[in-house]
Protein backbone atom coordinates (compact mmCIF):
# COMPACT_ATOMS: atom_id res chain seq x y z
CA PRO A 1 -167.16 -2.16 32.86
CA LEU A 2 -170.37 -1.70 30.11
CA SER A 3 -170.04 -0.97 26.48
CA GLU A 4 -171.99 2.50 26.05
CA LYS A 5 -170.68 5.39 26.38
CA VAL A 6 -172.30 7.96 27.61
CA ALA A 7 -171.37 11.96 26.95
CA VAL A 8 -171.47 14.95 29.71
CA ILE A 9 -171.67 18.23 28.84
CA GLY A 10 -170.05 20.64 31.45
CA ALA A 11 -167.80 20.08 34.09
CA GLY A 12 -170.01 21.72 37.00
CA PRO A 13 -171.60 20.11 40.03
CA ALA A 14 -174.41 18.77 38.02
CA GLY A 15 -172.17 17.27 35.15
CA LEU A 16 -169.54 15.62 38.09
CA SER A 17 -172.61 14.03 40.40
CA CYS A 18 -173.71 12.50 37.06
CA ALA A 19 -170.39 11.60 35.23
CA TYR A 20 -169.33 9.89 38.68
CA TYR A 21 -171.96 7.40 39.79
CA LEU A 22 -172.44 6.81 35.66
CA ALA A 23 -168.92 5.74 36.44
CA LEU A 24 -170.34 3.95 38.97
CA LYS A 25 -172.35 1.53 37.45
CA GLY A 26 -169.63 0.55 34.88
CA TYR A 27 -170.41 3.15 32.14
CA PRO A 28 -167.48 4.52 30.26
CA VAL A 29 -167.65 8.41 30.12
CA THR A 30 -166.52 11.17 29.30
CA ILE A 31 -166.98 15.13 29.96
CA PHE A 32 -166.96 17.81 27.50
CA GLU A 33 -165.71 20.83 28.87
CA ARG A 34 -165.21 24.65 27.90
CA LEU A 35 -163.18 25.98 30.60
CA GLY A 36 -159.42 24.45 31.38
CA GLU A 37 -159.99 23.34 34.28
CA PRO A 38 -162.87 21.27 36.22
CA GLY A 39 -165.51 22.82 38.79
CA GLY A 40 -168.25 24.87 35.73
CA MET A 41 -169.62 27.42 38.16
CA ALA A 42 -168.14 26.13 41.47
CA ALA A 43 -164.74 26.98 39.99
CA VAL A 44 -165.32 30.29 38.53
CA GLY A 45 -168.19 31.88 40.01
CA ILE A 46 -167.39 31.26 43.72
CA PRO A 47 -164.53 32.62 45.10
CA ASP A 48 -161.62 30.75 46.53
CA TYR A 49 -162.28 31.98 49.56
CA ARG A 50 -165.51 29.85 49.82
CA LEU A 51 -165.07 26.86 47.64
CA PRO A 52 -161.47 26.66 47.04
CA ARG A 53 -159.78 25.72 44.23
CA ASP A 54 -158.25 22.10 44.65
CA ILE A 55 -161.31 20.84 46.06
CA MET A 56 -163.24 20.62 42.51
CA ARG A 57 -160.05 19.52 41.69
CA TYR A 58 -158.95 16.61 43.99
CA GLU A 59 -163.01 15.75 43.61
CA ALA A 60 -162.78 15.95 39.94
CA GLY A 61 -158.91 13.27 40.08
CA ILE A 62 -161.78 11.04 42.18
CA LEU A 63 -163.79 10.92 38.65
CA GLU A 64 -160.57 10.46 36.85
CA ARG A 65 -159.26 7.38 38.88
CA LEU A 66 -162.65 5.90 38.35
CA GLY A 67 -162.03 6.04 34.44
CA VAL A 68 -163.61 9.52 33.63
CA GLU A 69 -162.22 10.74 30.76
CA PHE A 70 -162.10 14.52 30.67
CA ARG A 71 -161.91 17.03 27.62
CA TYR A 72 -161.29 20.57 28.75
CA ASN A 73 -161.14 23.39 26.94
CA THR A 74 -163.19 21.89 24.13
CA GLN A 75 -166.86 24.45 23.65
CA ILE A 76 -169.52 22.17 22.08
CA GLY A 77 -171.32 23.67 19.06
CA LYS A 78 -167.92 25.08 18.27
CA GLU A 79 -165.26 22.28 18.50
CA ILE A 80 -167.97 19.86 18.39
CA THR A 81 -171.95 19.61 18.07
CA LEU A 82 -174.47 17.48 19.63
CA SER A 83 -175.13 15.56 17.10
CA GLN A 84 -171.44 14.52 16.04
CA ILE A 85 -170.99 13.35 19.66
CA PHE A 86 -173.51 10.75 19.18
CA GLY A 87 -172.63 10.20 15.72
CA GLN A 88 -169.14 9.30 17.56
CA GLY A 89 -170.36 6.38 19.32
CA TYR A 90 -172.42 7.81 22.61
CA LYS A 91 -175.21 6.27 23.33
CA ALA A 92 -176.50 8.90 25.46
CA VAL A 93 -175.58 12.79 26.48
CA PHE A 94 -175.83 14.71 29.94
CA ILE A 95 -176.40 18.48 29.09
CA GLY A 96 -175.43 20.29 32.75
CA VAL A 97 -173.88 23.88 31.89
CA GLY A 98 -174.41 26.47 34.17
CA ALA A 99 -175.82 29.74 34.10
CA HIS A 100 -172.26 31.55 32.94
CA THR A 101 -174.02 35.03 31.46
CA ASN A 102 -175.06 37.93 33.57
CA THR A 103 -178.98 39.54 33.43
CA PRO A 104 -178.68 43.12 31.41
CA MET A 105 -180.03 46.18 34.19
CA GLY A 106 -181.84 47.67 31.45
CA VAL A 107 -179.85 51.03 31.61
CA GLU A 108 -178.46 53.90 29.76
CA GLY A 109 -175.11 52.85 28.59
CA GLU A 110 -174.38 49.55 29.87
CA ASP A 111 -174.05 48.40 25.61
CA LYS A 112 -171.78 51.01 25.06
CA GLY A 113 -168.39 48.53 26.18
CA TYR A 114 -167.09 51.41 28.11
CA GLN A 115 -164.13 50.62 29.61
CA GLY A 116 -164.29 49.63 33.42
CA PHE A 117 -167.93 47.66 32.94
CA ILE A 118 -167.78 44.00 33.35
CA PRO A 119 -170.29 41.70 33.75
CA GLY A 120 -170.24 40.03 37.06
CA VAL A 121 -169.86 36.42 36.34
CA PHE A 122 -167.60 37.42 34.77
CA TYR A 123 -165.78 39.77 37.30
CA LEU A 124 -165.83 37.16 39.21
CA LEU A 125 -163.87 34.60 36.07
CA GLU A 126 -161.33 37.00 35.13
CA ILE A 127 -160.53 36.94 38.63
CA ASN A 128 -160.96 33.71 39.50
CA LEU A 129 -158.69 32.69 36.68
CA GLY A 130 -156.04 35.08 37.50
CA ARG A 131 -156.52 38.13 36.04
CA ASP A 132 -157.73 41.72 36.72
CA PRO A 133 -159.95 42.89 34.45
CA TYR A 134 -159.77 46.67 34.18
CA PRO A 135 -155.98 46.50 37.17
CA GLU A 136 -156.73 50.58 37.19
CA GLY A 137 -159.79 51.05 38.23
CA LYS A 138 -159.98 52.15 41.88
CA LYS A 139 -163.34 52.25 43.64
CA VAL A 140 -165.90 49.97 42.72
CA VAL A 141 -170.23 49.71 42.26
CA VAL A 142 -171.13 46.46 42.06
CA VAL A 143 -175.03 46.37 42.14
CA GLY A 144 -177.42 43.03 42.60
CA GLY A 145 -178.17 41.64 46.66
CA GLY A 146 -177.65 38.70 45.58
CA ASN A 147 -175.07 36.23 46.61
CA VAL A 148 -173.07 37.24 43.48
CA ALA A 149 -173.52 40.40 44.03
CA ILE A 150 -171.98 39.89 47.21
CA ASP A 151 -169.34 37.65 45.87
CA CYS A 152 -168.15 40.42 43.35
CA VAL A 153 -167.84 42.80 46.40
CA ARG A 154 -165.76 40.91 48.19
CA THR A 155 -163.41 39.66 45.19
CA ALA A 156 -163.54 43.03 44.91
CA CYS A 157 -161.11 43.73 48.11
CA ARG A 158 -159.25 41.23 47.66
CA VAL A 159 -157.41 41.82 44.92
CA GLY A 160 -156.72 45.59 46.48
CA LYS A 161 -159.74 47.81 45.42
CA PRO A 162 -159.51 50.56 48.54
CA ASP A 163 -163.23 51.90 47.37
CA VAL A 164 -166.01 49.09 47.34
CA ASN A 165 -169.30 50.11 47.61
CA LEU A 166 -172.91 47.76 46.26
CA VAL A 167 -175.85 49.61 45.19
CA TYR A 168 -179.07 47.57 46.08
CA ARG A 169 -182.85 48.57 45.85
CA ARG A 170 -184.66 47.82 48.42
CA THR A 171 -183.85 47.45 52.33
CA LYS A 172 -181.31 45.16 53.77
CA LYS A 173 -184.00 43.37 54.91
CA GLU A 174 -185.22 42.39 51.29
CA MET A 175 -181.59 41.23 49.88
CA PRO A 176 -181.75 37.77 49.25
CA ALA A 177 -177.98 37.35 49.43
CA ASP A 178 -177.25 34.74 52.47
CA ARG A 179 -177.47 36.80 56.20
CA VAL A 180 -174.05 35.50 56.87
CA GLU A 181 -172.61 36.86 53.25
CA ILE A 182 -174.05 39.99 54.02
CA HIS A 183 -172.57 40.34 57.50
CA ASP A 184 -169.30 39.14 56.13
CA ALA A 185 -169.05 42.36 53.54
CA GLU A 186 -170.18 44.73 56.26
CA GLU A 187 -166.64 43.74 58.52
CA GLU A 188 -164.50 43.59 55.08
CA GLY A 189 -165.30 47.74 54.61
CA VAL A 190 -167.66 46.90 52.33
CA LYS A 191 -170.50 50.32 51.40
CA PHE A 192 -173.63 49.47 51.16
CA HIS A 193 -176.11 51.75 49.52
CA TYR A 194 -180.09 50.46 50.32
CA LEU A 195 -182.87 51.87 48.22
CA CYS A 196 -180.87 53.15 44.94
CA ASN A 197 -180.65 51.99 41.46
CA PRO A 198 -178.91 52.80 38.21
CA VAL A 199 -180.40 54.75 35.93
CA ARG A 200 -177.67 55.05 33.41
CA VAL A 201 -174.14 54.91 33.25
CA LEU A 202 -171.38 57.94 33.22
CA ALA A 203 -168.05 57.86 30.60
CA GLU A 204 -165.37 59.86 29.56
CA GLY A 205 -163.41 59.31 26.66
CA GLY A 206 -165.02 55.45 26.73
CA LYS A 207 -163.73 54.69 30.80
CA VAL A 208 -166.71 54.60 33.37
CA VAL A 209 -166.30 57.67 35.76
CA GLY A 210 -169.36 57.40 37.07
CA VAL A 211 -173.43 56.28 38.02
CA GLU A 212 -176.45 58.06 38.21
CA CYS A 213 -178.65 56.60 40.16
CA ILE A 214 -182.07 57.55 41.09
CA ARG A 215 -183.41 57.35 45.24
CA MET A 216 -186.55 54.25 45.64
CA GLU A 217 -189.61 53.76 48.36
CA LEU A 218 -189.99 50.41 48.94
CA GLY A 219 -194.64 49.59 47.64
CA GLU A 220 -196.88 47.43 47.60
CA PRO A 221 -195.04 43.18 47.65
CA ASP A 222 -194.59 41.32 44.79
CA ALA A 223 -194.64 38.44 42.78
CA SER A 224 -191.48 37.52 45.40
CA GLY A 225 -193.05 38.72 48.37
CA ARG A 226 -190.59 41.36 49.01
CA ARG A 227 -192.30 44.80 48.87
CA ARG A 228 -191.15 46.31 44.80
CA PRO A 229 -189.21 49.36 44.93
CA VAL A 230 -190.60 52.18 42.93
CA PRO A 231 -188.63 55.52 41.79
CA VAL A 232 -189.00 58.41 44.04
CA LYS A 233 -189.36 61.38 41.26
CA GLY A 234 -186.37 63.74 40.73
CA SER A 235 -183.97 62.21 43.85
CA GLU A 236 -180.58 61.60 41.04
CA PHE A 237 -177.96 62.01 42.27
CA VAL A 238 -174.94 60.22 41.02
CA ILE A 239 -171.45 58.17 42.29
CA GLU A 240 -168.38 58.30 40.82
CA THR A 241 -166.63 55.05 40.15
CA ASP A 242 -164.74 53.82 37.33
CA ILE A 243 -165.30 50.33 37.90
CA LEU A 244 -168.97 49.22 37.22
CA ILE A 245 -170.08 46.42 37.84
CA PRO A 246 -173.62 44.73 37.40
CA ALA A 247 -174.74 41.45 39.50
CA ILE A 248 -178.91 41.56 39.36
CA GLY A 249 -178.88 38.11 37.73
CA GLN A 250 -177.43 34.55 35.78
CA ALA A 251 -178.90 33.55 32.69
CA ILE A 252 -178.33 30.56 30.80
CA ASP A 253 -176.18 30.18 27.16
CA LEU A 254 -177.93 27.34 25.06
CA SER A 255 -176.64 29.15 21.49
CA PHE A 256 -174.23 25.44 21.36
CA LEU A 257 -178.12 24.26 20.75
CA GLU A 258 -178.48 24.02 16.38
CA LEU A 259 -182.66 23.45 15.86
CA ASN A 260 -181.71 19.61 14.48
CA ASP A 261 -180.15 18.67 17.93
CA GLY A 262 -184.49 18.06 18.49
CA VAL A 263 -183.56 19.69 21.95
CA ASN A 264 -186.38 22.07 23.28
CA THR A 265 -185.94 24.81 25.45
CA THR A 266 -188.25 27.37 27.09
CA LYS A 267 -189.09 30.87 26.93
CA LYS A 268 -186.58 31.19 30.07
CA SER A 269 -183.50 29.94 27.72
CA THR A 270 -183.88 27.07 29.73
CA VAL A 271 -183.67 23.18 28.73
CA ALA A 272 -187.05 21.44 28.52
CA VAL A 273 -187.39 18.47 30.22
CA ASP A 274 -189.93 15.86 31.72
CA GLU A 275 -189.43 17.09 34.77
CA GLY A 276 -189.31 13.54 36.45
CA THR A 277 -186.78 11.61 34.58
CA PHE A 278 -185.05 14.82 33.21
CA GLN A 279 -185.34 13.40 29.59
CA THR A 280 -185.67 16.15 26.94
CA GLY A 281 -186.73 15.89 23.66
CA ARG A 282 -184.72 14.24 21.81
CA GLU A 283 -184.52 10.60 23.40
CA GLY A 284 -181.18 9.40 24.86
CA VAL A 285 -181.07 13.23 25.68
CA PHE A 286 -181.11 14.27 29.08
CA SER A 287 -180.22 17.45 31.08
CA ALA A 288 -180.47 19.24 34.76
CA GLY A 289 -178.90 21.70 37.14
CA ASP A 290 -179.29 25.26 36.70
CA CYS A 291 -179.74 24.75 32.36
CA VAL A 292 -182.67 23.63 33.76
CA THR A 293 -183.69 24.58 36.63
CA GLY A 294 -182.26 28.22 35.87
CA PRO A 295 -179.36 29.80 38.92
CA ASP A 296 -180.14 27.60 41.39
CA VAL A 297 -177.86 26.77 44.55
CA LEU A 298 -175.15 23.74 44.02
CA VAL A 299 -176.35 21.13 46.09
CA ARG A 300 -179.87 21.13 43.67
CA ALA A 301 -177.27 20.53 40.35
CA ALA A 302 -175.16 18.23 42.50
CA GLY A 303 -178.49 16.10 44.07
CA HIS A 304 -180.78 16.03 40.30
CA GLY A 305 -177.11 15.03 38.23
CA LYS A 306 -177.50 11.71 40.30
CA ARG A 307 -180.69 11.40 39.91
CA ALA A 308 -179.89 11.82 35.95
CA ALA A 309 -177.33 9.25 35.97
CA ASP A 310 -180.10 6.74 37.37
CA LYS A 311 -182.63 7.33 34.61
CA ILE A 312 -180.07 7.21 32.18
CA ASP A 313 -178.87 3.91 32.96
CA LEU A 314 -182.17 2.70 32.90
CA PHE A 315 -182.40 4.32 29.25
CA LEU A 316 -179.64 2.54 28.51
CA ARG A 317 -180.71 -0.95 30.11
CA GLY A 318 -184.24 -0.65 27.78
CA MET A 319 -186.44 0.16 31.02
CA ALA A 320 -189.17 2.19 31.23
CA VAL A 321 -186.93 6.20 33.08
CA LYS A 322 -189.77 7.18 35.80
CA GLU A 323 -189.49 8.50 38.73
CA SER A 324 -188.81 6.39 41.18
CA GLU A 325 -191.67 5.68 43.99
CA GLU A 326 -189.15 7.19 46.64
CA GLU A 327 -188.54 10.42 44.26
CA ARG A 328 -192.75 10.60 43.24
CA LEU A 329 -193.98 10.44 47.39
CA GLU A 330 -190.32 12.83 47.57
CA ALA A 331 -192.25 15.47 45.00
CA LEU A 332 -195.61 14.83 46.52
CA VAL A 333 -194.95 15.61 49.83
CA GLU A 334 -192.38 18.91 49.03
CA LYS A 335 -195.72 20.32 46.77
CA ILE A 336 -198.31 19.71 49.73
CA ARG A 337 -196.23 20.79 52.64
CA VAL A 338 -198.02 21.18 56.12
CA TYR A 339 -201.47 20.17 56.11
CA ASN A 340 -202.06 22.55 58.63
CA LYS A 341 -200.27 25.83 59.15
CA ASN A 342 -201.41 26.62 61.82
CA GLU A 343 -200.85 23.79 64.35
CA LYS A 344 -197.94 24.07 66.92
CA ILE A 345 -195.72 21.33 67.36
CA GLY A 346 -193.18 21.45 69.33
CA VAL A 347 -189.34 21.43 68.78
CA SER A 348 -187.41 18.86 71.20
CA GLY A 349 -184.23 20.29 73.21
CA GLY A 350 -180.31 19.93 72.24
CA GLN A 351 -177.33 20.54 71.76
CA LYS A 352 -176.81 23.83 70.59
CA ARG A 353 -175.14 23.94 66.61
CA ALA A 354 -171.35 24.78 67.38
CA MET A 355 -170.00 27.63 65.24
CA LEU A 356 -167.28 27.60 62.95
CA GLU A 357 -164.51 30.35 63.46
CA LEU A 358 -163.98 33.08 60.67
CA LEU A 359 -160.51 34.48 59.87
CA PRO A 360 -160.22 38.06 61.43
CA PRO A 361 -161.66 40.84 59.01
CA GLU A 362 -158.69 42.61 58.42
CA THR A 363 -156.19 39.48 57.75
CA ARG A 364 -159.39 37.86 55.34
CA LYS A 365 -160.17 40.81 53.44
CA TRP A 366 -156.68 40.83 51.83
CA VAL A 367 -156.21 37.09 50.62
CA PHE A 368 -158.02 34.33 49.00
CA ASP A 369 -157.75 32.03 51.91
CA GLU A 370 -160.81 29.97 52.84
CA VAL A 371 -162.52 31.91 55.62
CA GLU A 372 -164.42 29.16 57.44
CA GLU A 373 -161.16 27.22 59.76
CA GLY A 374 -163.08 23.94 60.37
CA PHE A 375 -163.70 22.10 63.14
CA SER A 376 -160.28 21.18 65.43
CA ILE A 377 -161.05 17.13 65.26
CA PRO A 378 -163.11 16.32 68.75
CA VAL A 379 -165.61 19.50 68.22
CA ALA A 380 -166.42 18.00 64.81
CA GLN A 381 -166.91 14.34 66.29
CA LYS A 382 -168.91 15.80 68.70
CA GLU A 383 -170.88 17.94 66.26
CA ALA A 384 -171.20 14.73 64.68
CA GLU A 385 -172.88 13.38 67.66
CA ARG A 386 -175.50 15.65 67.37
CA CYS A 387 -179.04 14.02 67.06
CA LEU A 388 -180.80 15.85 64.85
CA ARG A 389 -184.48 14.70 66.72
CA CYS A 390 -185.93 13.67 63.72
CA VAL A 391 -189.73 13.48 65.79
CA ARG A 392 -192.26 15.05 63.23
CA VAL A 393 -193.73 12.70 61.32
CA GLY A 394 -196.39 12.69 58.97
CA LEU A 395 -198.79 10.25 58.12
CA PHE A 396 -200.61 10.71 54.31
CA ALA A 397 -202.76 7.98 51.82
CA VAL A 398 -202.01 7.52 48.16
């Protein structure tokens, strides 16, 4: 075993991945986690019917068997600071915190603290920890079109809410959520309200009683390539509800960082790093995952955590911390993409992909059991034998 201790802040996908590969290299690793269990947003932000928590606990157990120490219920900036971590003899620190806060909607009344107004990320956190944050509420309106919004409506069904609605300012075609998630939510009885947007939270006696919305129409495309929604003057209407859940975006809380920590942040409230090496402005501090990229997919956070572990290893061995040739070429190919977008390459034939069976809608909408039943062993073997037909070869000179 090596003697240089490494601290990892956050037990989410990036942190777990980084800690795992550092432990394999022989480093003593300690993970500091704000919550009382591993997984980060993968555990408390993704419902169990999509990612069972026992999977996350099993994978954390693998790290523990490798010698990784977990310090749960430890909030950086309160129980311990970044500078104090270095003071305890750690030679490198990896920051891998997730997107645990919500983006505000910017509508009248959302900052009044009304009962029944529950940000989407907090709603999922409470439900995943076994608590209904507002059990007396029966009608739910979720605002947003991404996977978090879909998770919120499907979760609301599973805790017994009889009337669940989703409000989205564009059409179904423009929704960024996964197609399969939208389809499954429709099957489970969620009501979708397209081309409308909230303008005001309605409350009586400090409790949400409804949301005033306005009809939208699609104009010219915006920076995302999707047509910009434009309000239709005079088209306001009210949806009665006692639970309003904004889920239009996630944000990163970096308030645990102090000015003297030497870790720079961006205007988007993410950690500023060197893209190829994951190094921050302070020597010995590395970062990856959502706190660098902004809210993103789990697999990229895990992949960047692995790559960051390699850079931390180079740093602790006193070697030059830089991109590998393989990483550099991969980044180049991703950036330049195809030379001729109009070229007809063609696709070789092959066996069709097997599809996972789902629990029936009337069964799954009331429970948090994993909705995908998985493959039988024969089907899994056949699926693994399928040729991926990697026949597209690119040639370039550098």
